[in-house]
């Protein structure tokens, strides 16, 4: 009777699935979850650290827009809708990162790369601007 092969590939796959989930988690509540993911996993994975910073900076942009435009009656409603779209865009970026595709957010990605120390290699999967 042949020996059963060790079931290491299933545990490796589940571990990588758990680690990949942090890409989406970072963008759920942008600033808060971005900081949590940065503190929990930022030192283990440079790419995850980059996305944590991107989520934080995207959240800061949403807050700045809400504060600057939120007090104007009609434009405040537009700022709320814009904030919703920024949040949905963040979830899209997180989902794409989960699938291995890095989305370049204009201006924000450059700052995130600077603060995270992320350096692209020839094998990186930057897919361009969204």
C-alpha atoms as a PDB file:
ATOM      1  CA  UNK A   1       0.000   0.000   0.000  1.00  0.00           C
ATOM      2  CA  UNK A   2       1.545   3.332  -1.014  1.00  0.00           C
ATOM      3  CA  UNK A   3       2.148   5.963   1.607  1.00  0.00           C
ATOM      4  CA  UNK A   4      -0.116   8.993   1.588  1.00  0.00           C
ATOM      5  CA  UNK A   5       1.689  12.165   0.599  1.00  0.00           C
ATOM      6  CA  UNK A   6       2.017  14.798   3.272  1.00  0.00           C
ATOM      7  CA  UNK A   7      -0.784  17.328   3.193  1.00  0.00           C
ATOM      8  CA  UNK A   8       1.506  20.342   3.302  1.00  0.00           C
ATOM      9  CA  UNK A   9       0.236  21.933   0.118  1.00  0.00           C
ATOM     10  CA  UNK A  10      -3.259  22.435   1.587  1.00  0.00           C
ATOM     11  CA  UNK A  11      -1.895  24.186   4.659  1.00  0.00           C
ATOM     12  CA  UNK A  12       0.437  26.288   2.494  1.00  0.00           C
ATOM     13  CA  UNK A  13      -2.468  27.274   0.253  1.00  0.00           C
ATOM     14  CA  UNK A  14      -4.694  28.191   3.192  1.00  0.00           C
ATOM     15  CA  UNK A  15      -1.896  30.226   4.729  1.00  0.00           C
ATOM     16  CA  UNK A  16      -1.364  32.130   1.502  1.00  0.00           C
ATOM     17  CA  UNK A  17      -5.138  32.655   1.201  1.00  0.00           C
ATOM     18  CA  UNK A  18      -5.192  34.065   4.738  1.00  0.00           C
ATOM     19  CA  UNK A  19      -2.237  36.308   3.985  1.00  0.00           C
ATOM     20  CA  UNK A  20      -3.799  37.451   0.727  1.00  0.00           C
ATOM     21  CA  UNK A  21      -6.995  38.405   2.560  1.00  0.00           C
ATOM     22  CA  UNK A  22      -5.039  41.156   4.319  1.00  0.00           C
ATOM     23  CA  UNK A  23      -4.884  43.033   1.000  1.00  0.00           C
ATOM     24  CA  UNK A  24      -8.670  43.398   1.014  1.00  0.00           C
ATOM     25  CA  UNK A  25      -8.864  43.971   4.780  1.00  0.00           C
ATOM     26  CA  UNK A  26      -6.463  46.924   4.498  1.00  0.00           C
ATOM     27  CA  UNK A  27      -8.963  48.817   2.343  1.00  0.00           C
ATOM     28  CA  UNK A  28     -12.190  48.060   4.271  1.00  0.00           C
ATOM     29  CA  UNK A  29     -11.951  51.017   6.664  1.00  0.00           C
ATOM     30  CA  UNK A  30      -8.992  52.549   4.882  1.00  0.00           C
ATOM     31  CA  UNK A  31      -7.156  54.408   7.661  1.00  0.00           C
ATOM     32  CA  UNK A  32      -8.054  52.150  10.584  1.00  0.00           C
ATOM     33  CA  UNK A  33      -7.614  48.781   8.905  1.00  0.00           C
ATOM     34  CA  UNK A  34      -4.641  50.078   6.930  1.00  0.00           C
ATOM     35  CA  UNK A  35      -2.848  50.865  10.195  1.00  0.00           C
ATOM     36  CA  UNK A  36      -3.876  47.520  11.729  1.00  0.00           C
ATOM     37  CA  UNK A  37      -2.599  45.535   8.733  1.00  0.00           C
ATOM     38  CA  UNK A  38       0.570  47.637   8.676  1.00  0.00           C
ATOM     39  CA  UNK A  39       1.247  46.847  12.332  1.00  0.00           C
ATOM     40  CA  UNK A  40       0.352  43.153  12.057  1.00  0.00           C
ATOM     41  CA  UNK A  41       1.911  42.161   8.734  1.00  0.00           C
ATOM     42  CA  UNK A  42       3.851  45.175   7.428  1.00  0.00           C
ATOM     43  CA  UNK A  43       7.275  43.840   8.352  1.00  0.00           C
ATOM     44  CA  UNK A  44       6.602  40.434   6.791  1.00  0.00           C
ATOM     45  CA  UNK A  45       5.552  41.478   3.290  1.00  0.00           C
ATOM     46  CA  UNK A  46       6.783  44.590   1.460  1.00  0.00           C
ATOM     47  CA  UNK A  47       3.891  44.504  -1.007  1.00  0.00           C
ATOM     48  CA  UNK A  48       1.347  44.310   1.801  1.00  0.00           C
ATOM     49  CA  UNK A  49       3.120  47.208   3.489  1.00  0.00           C
ATOM     50  CA  UNK A  50       2.762  49.215   0.265  1.00  0.00           C
ATOM     51  CA  UNK A  51      -0.972  48.497   0.113  1.00  0.00           C
ATOM     52  CA  UNK A  52      -1.388  49.363   3.794  1.00  0.00           C
ATOM     53  CA  UNK A  53       0.126  52.785   3.139  1.00  0.00           C
ATOM     54  CA  UNK A  54      -2.000  53.195   0.002  1.00  0.00           C
ATOM     55  CA  UNK A  55      -5.135  52.448   2.038  1.00  0.00           C
ATOM     56  CA  UNK A  56      -4.113  54.941   4.726  1.00  0.00           C
ATOM     57  CA  UNK A  57      -3.389  57.686   2.197  1.00  0.00           C
ATOM     58  CA  UNK A  58      -6.607  56.977   0.282  1.00  0.00           C
ATOM     59  CA  UNK A  59      -8.528  57.315   3.546  1.00  0.00           C
ATOM     60  CA  UNK A  60      -6.805  60.613   4.273  1.00  0.00           C
ATOM     61  CA  UNK A  61      -7.823  61.906   0.841  1.00  0.00           C
ATOM     62  CA  UNK A  62     -11.449  60.907   1.513  1.00  0.00           C
ATOM     63  CA  UNK A  63     -11.423  62.697   4.869  1.00  0.00           C
ATOM     64  CA  UNK A  64      -9.849  65.844   3.433  1.00  0.00           C
ATOM     65  CA  UNK A  65     -12.488  65.969   0.694  1.00  0.00           C
ATOM     66  CA  UNK A  66     -15.266  65.463   3.257  1.00  0.00           C
ATOM     67  CA  UNK A  67     -13.914  68.181   5.558  1.00  0.00           C
ATOM     68  CA  UNK A  68     -13.239  70.742   2.837  1.00  0.00           C
ATOM     69  CA  UNK A  69     -16.456  70.255   0.901  1.00  0.00           C
ATOM     70  CA  UNK A  70     -18.787  68.769   3.493  1.00  0.00           C
ATOM     71  CA  UNK A  71     -19.894  72.029   5.057  1.00  0.00           C
ATOM     72  CA  UNK A  72     -21.216  73.487   1.787  1.00  0.00           C
ATOM     73  CA  UNK A  73     -24.924  72.476   1.542  1.00  0.00           C
ATOM     74  CA  UNK A  74     -25.299  71.070  -1.980  1.00  0.00           C
ATOM     75  CA  UNK A  75     -21.638  70.338  -2.598  1.00  0.00           C
ATOM     76  CA  UNK A  76     -21.586  68.444   0.718  1.00  0.00           C
ATOM     77  CA  UNK A  77     -23.901  65.834  -0.780  1.00  0.00           C
ATOM     78  CA  UNK A  78     -21.586  65.513  -3.761  1.00  0.00           C
ATOM     79  CA  UNK A  79     -18.641  65.120  -1.366  1.00  0.00           C
ATOM     80  CA  UNK A  80     -20.492  62.299   0.404  1.00  0.00           C
ATOM     81  CA  UNK A  81     -21.083  60.497  -2.884  1.00  0.00           C
ATOM     82  CA  UNK A  82     -17.447  61.073  -3.859  1.00  0.00           C
ATOM     83  CA  UNK A  83     -16.386  59.600  -0.505  1.00  0.00           C
ATOM     84  CA  UNK A  84     -18.483  56.509  -1.235  1.00  0.00           C
ATOM     85  CA  UNK A  85     -16.831  56.149  -4.639  1.00  0.00           C
ATOM     86  CA  UNK A  86     -13.373  56.521  -3.084  1.00  0.00           C
ATOM     87  CA  UNK A  87     -14.241  53.754  -0.608  1.00  0.00           C
ATOM     88  CA  UNK A  88     -15.522  51.480  -3.382  1.00  0.00           C
ATOM     89  CA  UNK A  89     -12.392  52.211  -5.425  1.00  0.00           C
ATOM     90  CA  UNK A  90     -10.286  51.228  -2.409  1.00  0.00           C
ATOM     91  CA  UNK A  91     -12.123  47.912  -2.179  1.00  0.00           C
ATOM     92  CA  UNK A  92     -11.489  47.394  -5.902  1.00  0.00           C
ATOM     93  CA  UNK A  93      -7.766  48.081  -5.426  1.00  0.00           C
ATOM     94  CA  UNK A  94      -7.687  45.672  -2.474  1.00  0.00           C
ATOM     95  CA  UNK A  95      -9.449  42.965  -4.472  1.00  0.00           C
ATOM     96  CA  UNK A  96      -7.032  43.420  -7.353  1.00  0.00           C
ATOM     97  CA  UNK A  97      -4.088  43.199  -4.929  1.00  0.00           C
ATOM     98  CA  UNK A  98      -5.619  40.005  -3.534  1.00  0.00           C
ATOM     99  CA  UNK A  99      -5.512  38.603  -7.081  1.00  0.00           C
ATOM    100  CA  UNK A 100      -1.875  39.668  -7.522  1.00  0.00           C
ATOM    101  CA  UNK A 101      -2.437  42.827  -9.583  1.00  0.00           C
ATOM    102  CA  UNK A 102      -1.123  46.126  -8.292  1.00  0.00           C
ATOM    103  CA  UNK A 103      -3.191  49.141  -9.310  1.00  0.00           C
ATOM    104  CA  UNK A 104      -1.345  52.438  -9.479  1.00  0.00           C
ATOM    105  CA  UNK A 105      -3.355  55.184  -7.786  1.00  0.00           C
ATOM    106  CA  UNK A 106      -2.126  58.512  -9.189  1.00  0.00           C
ATOM    107  CA  UNK A 107       0.075  60.395  -6.677  1.00  0.00           C
ATOM    108  CA  UNK A 108      -0.901  58.121  -3.771  1.00  0.00           C
ATOM    109  CA  UNK A 109       1.100  55.113  -4.985  1.00  0.00           C
ATOM    110  CA  UNK A 110       4.274  57.181  -5.279  1.00  0.00           C
ATOM    111  CA  UNK A 111       3.944  58.398  -1.671  1.00  0.00           C
ATOM    112  CA  UNK A 112       3.106  54.880  -0.504  1.00  0.00           C
ATOM    113  CA  UNK A 113       6.203  53.486  -2.231  1.00  0.00           C
ATOM    114  CA  UNK A 114       8.327  56.168  -0.626  1.00  0.00           C
ATOM    115  CA  UNK A 115       7.030  55.491   2.895  1.00  0.00           C
ATOM    116  CA  UNK A 116       6.894  51.700   2.606  1.00  0.00           C
ATOM    117  CA  UNK A 117      10.324  51.293   1.058  1.00  0.00           C
ATOM    118  CA  UNK A 118       8.786  49.186  -1.696  1.00  0.00           C
ATOM    119  CA  UNK A 119      10.976  48.771  -4.749  1.00  0.00           C
ATOM    120  CA  UNK A 120       9.567  47.291  -7.907  1.00  0.00           C
ATOM    121  CA  UNK A 121      11.396  44.395  -9.445  1.00  0.00           C
ATOM    122  CA  UNK A 122      11.196  43.190 -13.008  1.00  0.00           C
ATOM    123  CA  UNK A 123       8.839  40.455 -11.846  1.00  0.00           C
ATOM    124  CA  UNK A 124       6.371  42.821 -10.204  1.00  0.00           C
ATOM    125  CA  UNK A 125       2.875  42.927 -11.575  1.00  0.00           C
ATOM    126  CA  UNK A 126       2.108  46.629 -11.932  1.00  0.00           C
ATOM    127  CA  UNK A 127      -0.853  46.734 -14.290  1.00  0.00           C
ATOM    128  CA  UNK A 128      -1.034  50.464 -14.822  1.00  0.00           C
ATOM    129  CA  UNK A 129      -3.299  53.227 -13.738  1.00  0.00           C
ATOM    130  CA  UNK A 130      -6.947  52.741 -13.047  1.00  0.00           C
END
